[in-house]
Protein backbone atom coordinates (compact mmCIF):
# COMPACT_ATOMS: atom_id res chain seq x y z
CA MET A 1 2.54 83.54 -81.32
CA VAL A 2 2.61 81.11 -78.45
CA ILE A 3 -0.80 79.88 -77.29
CA LEU A 4 -0.83 78.97 -73.64
CA GLU A 5 -2.80 75.87 -72.79
CA GLU A 6 -5.51 76.39 -70.19
CA LYS A 7 -4.83 74.76 -66.87
CA THR A 8 -7.56 72.81 -65.14
CA VAL A 9 -8.90 74.14 -61.85
CA PRO A 10 -11.26 72.50 -59.32
CA PHE A 11 -15.00 73.19 -59.40
CA LYS A 12 -17.37 71.87 -56.77
CA ILE A 13 -19.42 68.91 -58.00
CA LYS A 14 -23.13 69.60 -57.74
CA LEU A 15 -25.78 66.89 -58.00
CA GLU A 16 -29.54 67.19 -57.87
CA ALA A 17 -31.01 69.17 -54.98
CA GLY A 18 -30.68 67.26 -51.70
CA ASP A 19 -28.09 64.78 -53.01
CA LYS A 20 -25.01 65.33 -50.83
CA ARG A 21 -23.01 62.30 -51.96
CA ALA A 22 -20.49 64.52 -53.76
CA GLN A 23 -19.48 66.39 -50.60
CA GLY A 24 -15.77 67.22 -50.75
CA MET A 25 -15.50 66.29 -54.45
CA TYR A 26 -14.33 68.63 -57.19
CA ILE A 27 -14.08 68.18 -60.93
CA LEU A 28 -10.96 69.54 -62.63
CA LEU A 29 -11.98 71.60 -65.66
CA LYS A 30 -10.55 74.26 -67.92
CA PRO A 31 -12.12 77.70 -67.28
CA SER A 32 -13.59 77.71 -70.80
CA GLU A 33 -15.36 74.33 -70.41
CA GLU A 34 -19.01 73.90 -69.51
CA LYS A 35 -19.31 73.37 -65.78
CA TYR A 36 -22.99 73.04 -64.98
CA THR A 37 -26.12 72.10 -66.94
CA ALA A 38 -29.31 74.15 -67.13
CA LYS A 39 -30.55 72.18 -64.10
CA GLY A 40 -27.56 73.36 -62.09
CA VAL A 41 -25.84 69.97 -61.87
CA THR A 42 -22.26 69.27 -62.91
CA ALA A 43 -21.91 68.61 -66.64
CA THR A 44 -20.09 65.47 -67.80
CA PRO A 45 -17.03 66.32 -69.95
CA ASN A 46 -16.78 64.58 -73.32
CA ARG A 47 -13.28 63.32 -72.50
CA ASN A 48 -11.24 61.60 -69.84
CA TYR A 49 -11.43 63.81 -66.77
CA LYS A 50 -10.23 64.05 -63.17
CA ILE A 51 -11.98 64.32 -59.82
CA GLU A 52 -10.28 65.76 -56.75
CA ILE A 53 -11.36 64.66 -53.30
CA ALA A 54 -10.59 67.04 -50.44
CA ILE A 55 -11.13 65.81 -46.88
CA GLU A 56 -10.37 66.79 -43.32
CA ALA A 57 -10.28 64.86 -40.05
CA ILE A 58 -9.19 65.17 -36.44
CA TYR A 59 -5.86 63.52 -35.63
CA LYS A 60 -4.54 63.79 -32.08
CA ASN A 61 -6.81 66.77 -31.38
CA LYS A 62 -5.54 68.58 -34.48
CA ARG A 63 -7.47 69.28 -37.67
CA CYS A 64 -5.74 67.69 -40.66
CA ARG A 65 -6.48 68.14 -44.33
CA GLY A 66 -5.65 66.12 -47.40
CA LYS A 67 -6.60 65.73 -51.04
CA LYS A 68 -6.12 63.29 -53.88
CA VAL A 69 -6.88 63.29 -57.61
CA PHE A 70 -8.41 60.37 -59.51
CA ASN A 71 -8.67 59.72 -63.26
CA ILE A 72 -12.15 59.06 -64.70
CA THR A 73 -12.56 57.51 -68.15
CA LYS A 74 -14.51 59.16 -70.96
CA GLY A 75 -18.19 58.23 -71.02
CA THR A 76 -18.53 57.83 -67.24
CA SER A 77 -21.39 59.98 -65.95
CA ILE A 78 -20.82 62.32 -63.04
CA ILE A 79 -23.20 60.36 -60.82
CA ARG A 80 -21.38 57.09 -61.61
CA ALA A 81 -18.03 58.72 -60.96
CA VAL A 82 -19.24 60.09 -57.62
CA GLU A 83 -20.62 56.69 -56.59
CA SER A 84 -17.25 55.08 -57.31
CA MET A 85 -15.49 57.81 -55.30
CA ILE A 86 -17.48 57.44 -52.08
CA SER A 87 -15.52 54.45 -50.81
CA LYS A 88 -12.26 56.21 -51.74
CA ARG A 89 -13.29 59.28 -49.77
CA ASN A 90 -14.17 57.19 -46.71
CA GLU A 91 -10.87 55.34 -46.98
CA MET A 92 -8.99 58.67 -47.15
CA ILE A 93 -10.79 59.95 -44.05
CA SER A 94 -9.91 56.77 -42.12
CA ILE A 95 -6.24 57.08 -43.08
CA LEU A 96 -6.15 60.74 -42.09
CA LYS A 97 -7.71 59.96 -38.71
CA GLU A 98 -5.20 57.19 -38.04
CA LYS A 99 -2.01 58.74 -39.46
CA GLY A 100 -2.63 62.47 -39.74
CA THR A 101 -1.47 62.45 -43.39
CA LEU A 102 -2.31 60.86 -46.71
CA LYS A 103 1.33 60.65 -47.70
CA THR A 104 2.73 57.14 -48.05
CA GLU A 105 6.28 55.97 -47.78
CA ASN A 106 7.91 55.55 -51.14
CA ILE A 107 9.11 51.98 -51.55
CA LYS A 108 12.29 51.82 -53.61
CA LEU A 109 11.82 49.31 -56.37
CA PRO A 110 14.73 48.25 -58.55
CA LYS A 111 14.66 49.00 -62.26
CA VAL A 112 11.27 50.71 -62.17
CA ASP A 113 10.86 54.29 -63.36
CA PRO A 114 8.08 55.95 -61.28
CA LYS A 115 7.40 58.41 -64.13
CA ASP A 116 6.86 55.63 -66.68
CA ARG A 117 3.07 55.10 -66.96
CA SER A 118 3.31 52.18 -69.39
CA PHE A 119 1.25 49.22 -68.22
CA GLU A 120 4.27 46.93 -68.24
CA ASN A 121 6.21 49.22 -65.94
CA VAL A 122 3.28 50.01 -63.65
CA TYR A 123 2.41 46.32 -63.29
CA GLN A 124 6.00 45.48 -62.35
CA ALA A 125 6.01 48.17 -59.67
CA TRP A 126 2.66 46.94 -58.33
CA ILE A 127 3.62 43.25 -58.21
CA ASN A 128 6.92 44.08 -56.47
CA VAL A 129 4.95 45.74 -53.67
CA LYS A 130 2.51 42.83 -53.48
CA LYS A 131 5.40 40.38 -53.06
CA ILE A 132 6.19 42.03 -49.73
CA ASP A 133 3.00 41.02 -47.91
CA LYS A 134 1.19 38.52 -50.16
CA ARG A 135 1.61 34.77 -49.99
CA ALA A 136 3.49 32.92 -52.72
CA ASN A 137 0.32 31.26 -54.04
CA THR A 138 -1.43 34.62 -54.40
CA ILE A 139 1.53 36.08 -56.28
CA LYS A 140 1.51 33.03 -58.55
CA VAL A 141 -2.15 33.69 -59.44
CA TYR A 142 -1.32 37.32 -60.27
CA GLU A 143 1.70 36.37 -62.39
CA VAL A 144 -0.18 33.68 -64.34
CA CYS A 145 -2.98 36.15 -65.09
CA TYR A 146 -0.47 38.74 -66.26
CA LYS A 147 1.43 36.29 -68.46
CA ASN A 148 -1.64 34.66 -70.04
CA TYR A 149 -3.93 37.67 -70.44
CA LEU A 150 -2.70 41.12 -69.42
CA SER A 151 0.78 41.24 -70.94
CA ASN A 152 -0.22 40.80 -74.57
CA ALA A 153 -3.21 43.11 -74.21
CA PHE A 154 -1.78 46.06 -72.28
CA ASP A 155 2.03 46.06 -72.06
CA LYS A 156 2.45 48.65 -74.83
CA MET A 157 -0.37 50.86 -73.55
CA ILE A 158 -0.25 53.82 -71.18
CA ILE A 159 -2.24 52.83 -68.10
CA ASP A 160 -4.31 56.05 -68.23
CA ASP A 161 -5.61 55.07 -71.69
CA ILE A 162 -7.12 51.75 -70.56
CA THR A 163 -10.92 51.79 -70.72
CA GLU A 164 -13.85 49.51 -69.94
CA ASN A 165 -13.91 48.46 -73.62
CA HIS A 166 -10.33 47.20 -73.44
CA ILE A 167 -11.18 45.05 -70.42
CA GLN A 168 -14.39 43.79 -72.05
CA ASN A 169 -12.55 42.82 -75.26
CA LEU A 170 -10.05 40.84 -73.21
CA ILE A 171 -12.85 39.03 -71.37
CA ASN A 172 -14.64 38.25 -74.63
CA GLU A 173 -11.45 36.72 -76.08
CA ALA A 174 -11.07 34.53 -73.00
CA ILE A 175 -14.71 33.41 -73.31
CA GLU A 176 -14.15 32.51 -76.96
CA LYS A 177 -11.19 30.38 -75.89
CA LYS A 178 -13.61 28.65 -73.45
CA LYS A 179 -11.70 29.66 -70.34
CA LYS A 180 -13.42 28.98 -67.01
CA PRO A 181 -15.39 31.84 -65.36
CA THR A 182 -13.21 31.57 -62.24
CA THR A 183 -10.11 31.97 -64.41
CA ILE A 184 -11.54 35.00 -66.22
CA LYS A 185 -12.47 36.58 -62.89
CA THR A 186 -8.76 36.87 -62.05
CA ILE A 187 -8.57 39.63 -64.69
CA LYS A 188 -10.64 41.87 -62.44
CA LEU A 189 -8.82 40.55 -59.36
CA VAL A 190 -5.59 41.98 -60.73
CA MET A 191 -6.72 44.90 -62.88
CA GLN A 192 -9.07 46.70 -60.50
CA PRO A 193 -6.63 47.21 -57.58
CA LEU A 194 -3.75 47.82 -60.02
CA LEU A 195 -5.65 50.59 -61.81
CA GLU A 196 -7.13 52.15 -58.69
CA VAL A 197 -3.82 52.35 -56.85
CA ASN A 198 -2.63 54.32 -59.88
CA ASP A 199 -5.71 56.57 -59.72
CA VAL A 200 -7.41 55.12 -62.81
CA MET A 201 -11.06 54.56 -61.97
CA LEU A 202 -13.16 52.41 -64.32
CA ASN A 203 -16.88 51.77 -64.18
CA TRP A 204 -16.70 48.03 -63.48
CA LYS A 205 -20.49 47.74 -63.56
CA LYS A 206 -20.32 48.29 -67.32
CA ILE A 207 -18.05 45.27 -67.77
CA VAL A 208 -19.81 41.92 -68.21
CA PHE A 209 -18.16 38.83 -66.75
CA PRO A 210 -19.37 35.26 -67.35
CA LYS A 211 -21.52 33.90 -64.55
CA HIS A 212 -20.03 31.29 -62.29
CA THR A 213 -22.57 28.49 -62.16
CA SER A 214 -20.94 26.04 -59.77
CA GLU A 215 -22.23 26.98 -56.32
CA ARG A 216 -20.60 25.96 -53.08
CA LYS A 217 -23.31 24.69 -50.77
CA PHE A 218 -22.96 23.31 -47.26
CA ARG A 219 -24.15 19.70 -47.33
CA GLY A 220 -23.03 18.62 -43.88
CA SER A 221 -25.29 17.68 -41.00
CA ASP A 222 -26.37 19.97 -38.17
CA GLU A 223 -23.96 18.02 -36.01
CA GLU A 224 -21.08 18.92 -38.31
CA ALA A 225 -22.22 22.55 -38.31
CA MET A 226 -22.16 22.52 -34.51
CA LYS A 227 -18.66 21.05 -34.60
CA ILE A 228 -17.48 23.85 -36.88
CA ALA A 229 -19.20 26.55 -34.80
CA LYS A 230 -17.70 25.23 -31.57
CA ALA A 231 -14.19 25.19 -33.04
CA LEU A 232 -14.52 28.76 -34.30
CA LEU A 233 -16.09 30.17 -31.14
CA THR A 234 -13.46 28.58 -28.90
CA TYR A 235 -10.49 29.49 -31.09
CA GLU A 236 -7.41 30.54 -29.15
CA HIS A 237 -7.02 34.03 -30.64
CA PRO A 238 -9.55 36.58 -29.20
CA ILE A 239 -9.61 38.81 -32.30
CA LEU A 240 -10.22 35.88 -34.65
CA ARG A 241 -12.74 34.44 -32.21
CA GLY A 242 -14.73 37.68 -32.44
CA ILE A 243 -14.52 37.77 -36.24
CA PHE A 244 -15.71 34.17 -36.45
CA ALA A 245 -18.70 34.99 -34.22
CA PHE A 246 -19.86 37.63 -36.71
CA LEU A 247 -19.24 35.28 -39.64
CA LEU A 248 -21.48 32.71 -37.96
CA THR A 249 -24.38 35.16 -38.16
CA GLY A 250 -24.08 35.33 -41.94
CA ARG A 251 -21.87 38.36 -42.40
CA ARG A 252 -19.25 38.57 -45.13
CA VAL A 253 -15.64 38.76 -44.03
CA ASN A 254 -15.05 42.20 -45.57
CA GLU A 255 -18.14 43.53 -43.77
CA VAL A 256 -16.75 42.30 -40.45
CA LEU A 257 -13.20 43.54 -40.97
CA GLN A 258 -14.45 47.02 -41.93
CA LEU A 259 -16.88 47.21 -39.00
CA LYS A 260 -16.20 50.22 -36.77
CA HIS A 261 -17.43 51.21 -33.33
CA GLU A 262 -19.31 54.09 -34.94
CA HIS A 263 -21.38 51.51 -36.87
CA VAL A 264 -22.69 50.01 -33.63
CA ASN A 265 -25.66 51.42 -31.72
CA TYR A 266 -25.16 50.03 -28.23
CA LYS A 267 -28.34 51.70 -26.98
CA ASN A 268 -30.58 49.94 -29.49
CA ASN A 269 -28.36 46.84 -29.76
CA THR A 270 -28.00 47.11 -33.52
CA PHE A 271 -25.13 47.44 -35.96
CA VAL A 272 -25.01 48.79 -39.49
CA ILE A 273 -23.15 47.59 -42.55
CA PRO A 274 -22.65 50.82 -44.53
CA ALA A 275 -23.45 50.83 -48.23
CA GLU A 276 -19.80 51.28 -49.18
CA ASN A 277 -18.89 48.06 -47.31
CA SER A 278 -21.87 46.06 -48.58
CA LYS A 279 -21.65 43.84 -51.65
CA ASN A 280 -24.93 45.15 -53.08
CA LYS A 281 -24.02 48.76 -52.12
CA LYS A 282 -27.01 49.08 -49.80
CA GLU A 283 -27.00 49.83 -46.10
CA HIS A 284 -28.11 46.96 -43.86
CA THR A 285 -29.05 46.99 -40.18
CA PHE A 286 -28.83 43.89 -37.99
CA LYS A 287 -29.53 43.03 -34.37
CA LEU A 288 -26.49 42.98 -32.11
CA LEU A 289 -26.95 39.55 -30.59
CA PRO A 290 -25.43 38.78 -27.16
CA ILE A 291 -22.76 36.60 -28.77
CA LEU A 292 -21.73 39.58 -30.93
CA GLN A 293 -21.74 41.96 -27.96
CA LYS A 294 -19.36 39.58 -26.20
CA ALA A 295 -17.15 39.44 -29.29
CA ILE A 296 -16.82 43.24 -29.32
CA GLN A 297 -16.19 43.44 -25.57
CA GLU A 298 -13.25 41.04 -25.93
CA GLN A 299 -11.46 43.43 -28.27
CA LYS A 300 -9.00 46.05 -27.02
CA THR A 301 -10.22 48.64 -29.52
CA THR A 302 -12.54 51.46 -28.51
CA THR A 303 -12.41 53.63 -31.65
CA GLY A 304 -12.06 52.97 -35.36
CA ARG A 305 -12.12 49.39 -36.61
CA ILE A 306 -13.36 46.87 -34.06
CA PHE A 307 -11.25 43.98 -35.26
CA ASP A 308 -7.59 44.81 -35.86
CA MET A 309 -6.91 42.04 -38.36
CA GLY A 310 -6.29 41.76 -42.10
CA ARG A 311 -8.09 39.52 -44.55
CA ASP A 312 -5.12 37.25 -45.30
CA ASN A 313 -4.45 36.60 -41.62
CA THR A 314 -8.13 35.89 -41.05
CA ILE A 315 -8.15 33.33 -43.86
CA TYR A 316 -4.97 31.74 -42.53
CA HIS A 317 -6.41 31.29 -39.04
CA PHE A 318 -9.73 30.00 -40.41
CA LYS A 319 -7.95 27.26 -42.34
CA LYS A 320 -5.84 26.48 -39.29
CA CYS A 321 -8.98 26.16 -37.17
CA MET A 322 -10.64 23.89 -39.72
CA ARG A 323 -7.56 21.66 -39.94
CA SER A 324 -7.74 21.21 -36.17
CA ILE A 325 -11.10 19.43 -36.62
CA ASP A 326 -9.96 17.56 -39.73
CA ILE A 327 -11.83 19.70 -42.27
CA HIS A 328 -9.74 20.53 -45.33
CA ASN A 329 -12.21 21.42 -48.10
CA MET A 330 -13.95 24.43 -46.60
CA VAL A 331 -13.33 28.09 -47.37
CA MET A 332 -14.40 30.95 -45.13
CA HIS A 333 -17.21 32.08 -47.45
CA ASP A 334 -18.80 28.64 -47.03
CA LEU A 335 -19.88 29.73 -43.55
CA ARG A 336 -22.61 31.84 -45.18
CA SER A 337 -23.95 28.76 -46.89
CA MET A 338 -23.74 26.80 -43.65
CA VAL A 339 -25.63 29.49 -41.74
CA GLY A 340 -28.34 29.61 -44.39
CA VAL A 341 -28.76 25.84 -44.68
CA VAL A 342 -28.83 25.24 -40.92
CA SER A 343 -31.30 28.09 -40.38
CA LEU A 344 -33.68 26.68 -42.99
CA ARG A 345 -33.42 23.21 -41.52
CA ASN A 346 -34.35 24.57 -38.12
CA GLY A 347 -37.46 26.52 -39.02
CA ALA A 348 -36.43 29.87 -40.48
CA ASP A 349 -38.23 30.70 -43.73
CA ILE A 350 -36.28 31.39 -46.91
CA PHE A 351 -37.14 35.09 -46.91
CA SER A 352 -35.80 35.58 -43.40
CA VAL A 353 -32.60 33.78 -44.31
CA SER A 354 -32.25 35.81 -47.48
CA LYS A 355 -32.56 39.00 -45.44
CA MET A 356 -30.09 37.79 -42.85
CA LEU A 357 -27.56 37.11 -45.59
CA SER A 358 -28.38 40.49 -47.26
CA HIS A 359 -29.02 38.92 -50.64
CA SER A 360 -30.05 41.29 -53.41
CA ASN A 361 -31.98 38.79 -55.58
CA LEU A 362 -35.56 40.11 -55.67
CA SER A 363 -36.98 36.81 -56.86
CA THR A 364 -36.16 35.22 -53.50
CA THR A 365 -36.69 38.19 -51.23
CA GLN A 366 -39.84 39.85 -52.60
CA ARG A 367 -41.88 38.72 -49.58
CA SER A 368 -39.52 40.64 -47.33
CA TYR A 369 -40.92 43.91 -48.58
CA LEU A 370 -44.18 43.17 -46.75
CA THR A 371 -42.55 43.93 -43.39
CA ASP A 372 -39.47 45.45 -41.88
CA GLY A 373 -36.42 43.68 -43.21
CA SER A 374 -34.55 43.88 -39.92
CA GLU A 375 -37.31 41.87 -38.24
CA LEU A 376 -37.00 39.13 -40.81
CA ALA A 377 -33.25 39.11 -40.40
CA LEU A 378 -33.67 38.88 -36.65
CA GLY A 379 -35.90 35.82 -37.07
CA ALA A 380 -33.20 33.96 -38.91
CA GLN A 381 -30.46 35.32 -36.65
CA SER A 382 -32.28 34.07 -33.57
CA THR A 383 -32.47 30.59 -35.08
CA ILE A 384 -28.77 30.36 -35.79
CA GLU A 385 -27.98 32.01 -32.43
CA MET A 386 -29.70 29.16 -30.62
CA LEU A 387 -27.48 26.73 -32.45
CA ILE A 388 -24.16 28.49 -31.96
CA ASN A 389 -24.87 29.36 -28.33
CA SER A 390 -25.04 25.66 -27.56
CA ASN A 391 -21.44 25.08 -28.59
CA ASN A 392 -20.44 23.84 -25.13
CA GLN A 393 -23.31 21.38 -24.89
CA ASN A 394 -23.41 17.76 -25.96
CA ILE A 395 -25.14 17.25 -29.30
CA ILE A 396 -28.38 15.28 -29.06
CA ASP A 397 -30.32 13.78 -31.94
CA VAL A 398 -33.82 15.09 -31.24
CA GLU A 399 -35.33 12.57 -33.65
CA ILE A 400 -34.74 9.71 -31.25
CA GLU A 401 -36.37 11.49 -28.38
CA ASP A 402 -40.08 10.89 -27.79
CA ASN A 403 -40.50 14.12 -25.92
CA LYS A 404 -39.09 16.76 -28.29
CA PHE A 405 -39.64 19.55 -25.75
CA LEU A 406 -37.24 17.87 -23.31
CA ALA A 407 -34.83 16.99 -26.12
CA ILE A 408 -34.58 20.61 -27.22
CA LYS A 409 -34.31 21.72 -23.59
CA LYS A 410 -31.30 19.46 -23.20
CA LEU A 411 -29.76 20.77 -26.40
CA TYR A 412 -30.44 24.45 -25.63
CA PRO A 413 -30.60 24.81 -21.82
CA ILE A 414 -30.50 28.62 -21.99
CA ALA A 415 -33.50 28.82 -24.31
CA THR A 416 -36.85 29.94 -22.88
CA ASP A 417 -39.91 27.69 -22.90
CA GLU A 418 -41.49 29.98 -25.50
CA GLN A 419 -38.48 29.60 -27.80
CA ILE A 420 -38.57 25.84 -27.41
CA LYS A 421 -42.30 25.68 -28.18
CA LYS A 422 -41.72 27.76 -31.28
CA SER A 423 -38.87 25.56 -32.50
CA ASN A 424 -40.91 22.43 -31.73
CA TYR A 425 -43.70 23.84 -33.89
CA TYR A 426 -41.24 24.42 -36.72
CA ILE A 427 -39.95 20.85 -36.43
CA ARG A 428 -43.47 19.38 -36.55
CA THR A 429 -44.36 21.55 -39.52
CA LYS A 430 -41.25 20.54 -41.40
CA LEU A 431 -41.84 16.84 -40.72
CA VAL A 432 -45.41 17.14 -42.02
CA GLU A 433 -44.14 18.81 -45.19
């Protein structure tokens, strides 16, 4: 007698009452499997399982629908799986709005069987695609990581069978061999996008990486910071000029590149970094400073992403801009350090700066819970704004001026008397300390 295997069918994922994060998500289960617990929430299968995301969006005044299935490894709770799917769902919606379909063009790759799910084969297909639009140095990093770490560990495995434990064991071996934390980090740099593009979703929060102890900290003078700000804010390309303006208020490059018009409240002059685009997975609201308003106005976009630019191009132009002022040892992320250091030097307290930079370390931000975080962020933002808005002015050393009010007035002619008095107070306080 032939026993027919049960096919999996989609069942709506239900979380606790009021939790709507799983909207449009379905778990693929066999009809005989447990679907919901006694509390009415979706039960976690004791096996590898799949989640289907179904979305719809308006494309050229027409309603379009699409769906995609993702693999979830055994042991991942439903809530964790849903959390990891939110960014994927938002990405799918964006694609559907822009293209009207989730289908992608199949790139013909030589000597690669699309049905072969062995890691070796899947990696080769992935790296061949990356070679199309990635720089040679980036590809070299990927290839070295594959040769030194990934090949021996995974080549004979089916990609769907790779779990968090496999990744952790590989990391532990590298630690035992006393490899540098930055070197070990390349494992995630390659593995996460490689797995996700093949619909294998791991819980990366479960995987422990060695901490990178060597911090990059801006140690230049305020004068050098002004030089950098001026170069960035007067850069020839309007899109990059706008991106740089946001970076100079402490934002991360991915936050800026993913910023959409729908994230901006022009009535209240605020903008939001959604949780899915934030490093600490929390939503953050910031004041839309005049310099940022100008940056948005200069763009030709009115819907979707504000800045039509990719990360690699942004990095390229940043380095080009820095070379133009004879700076060769600065990376784009260093701007966050520069913003923080300059703000502290010019009177902003550490808690305000921490809020402006959206740090998640409670030991340095606990005072921020005493008041509205956005107000603290604004305090630091206003400080750095005064600095960057003076980019067309001659730099004056206020320490050699007897009358600091006049010195600051010369440095920041657009500042109000009240702002100058406040900054003068900060300077006196800092000198006393």
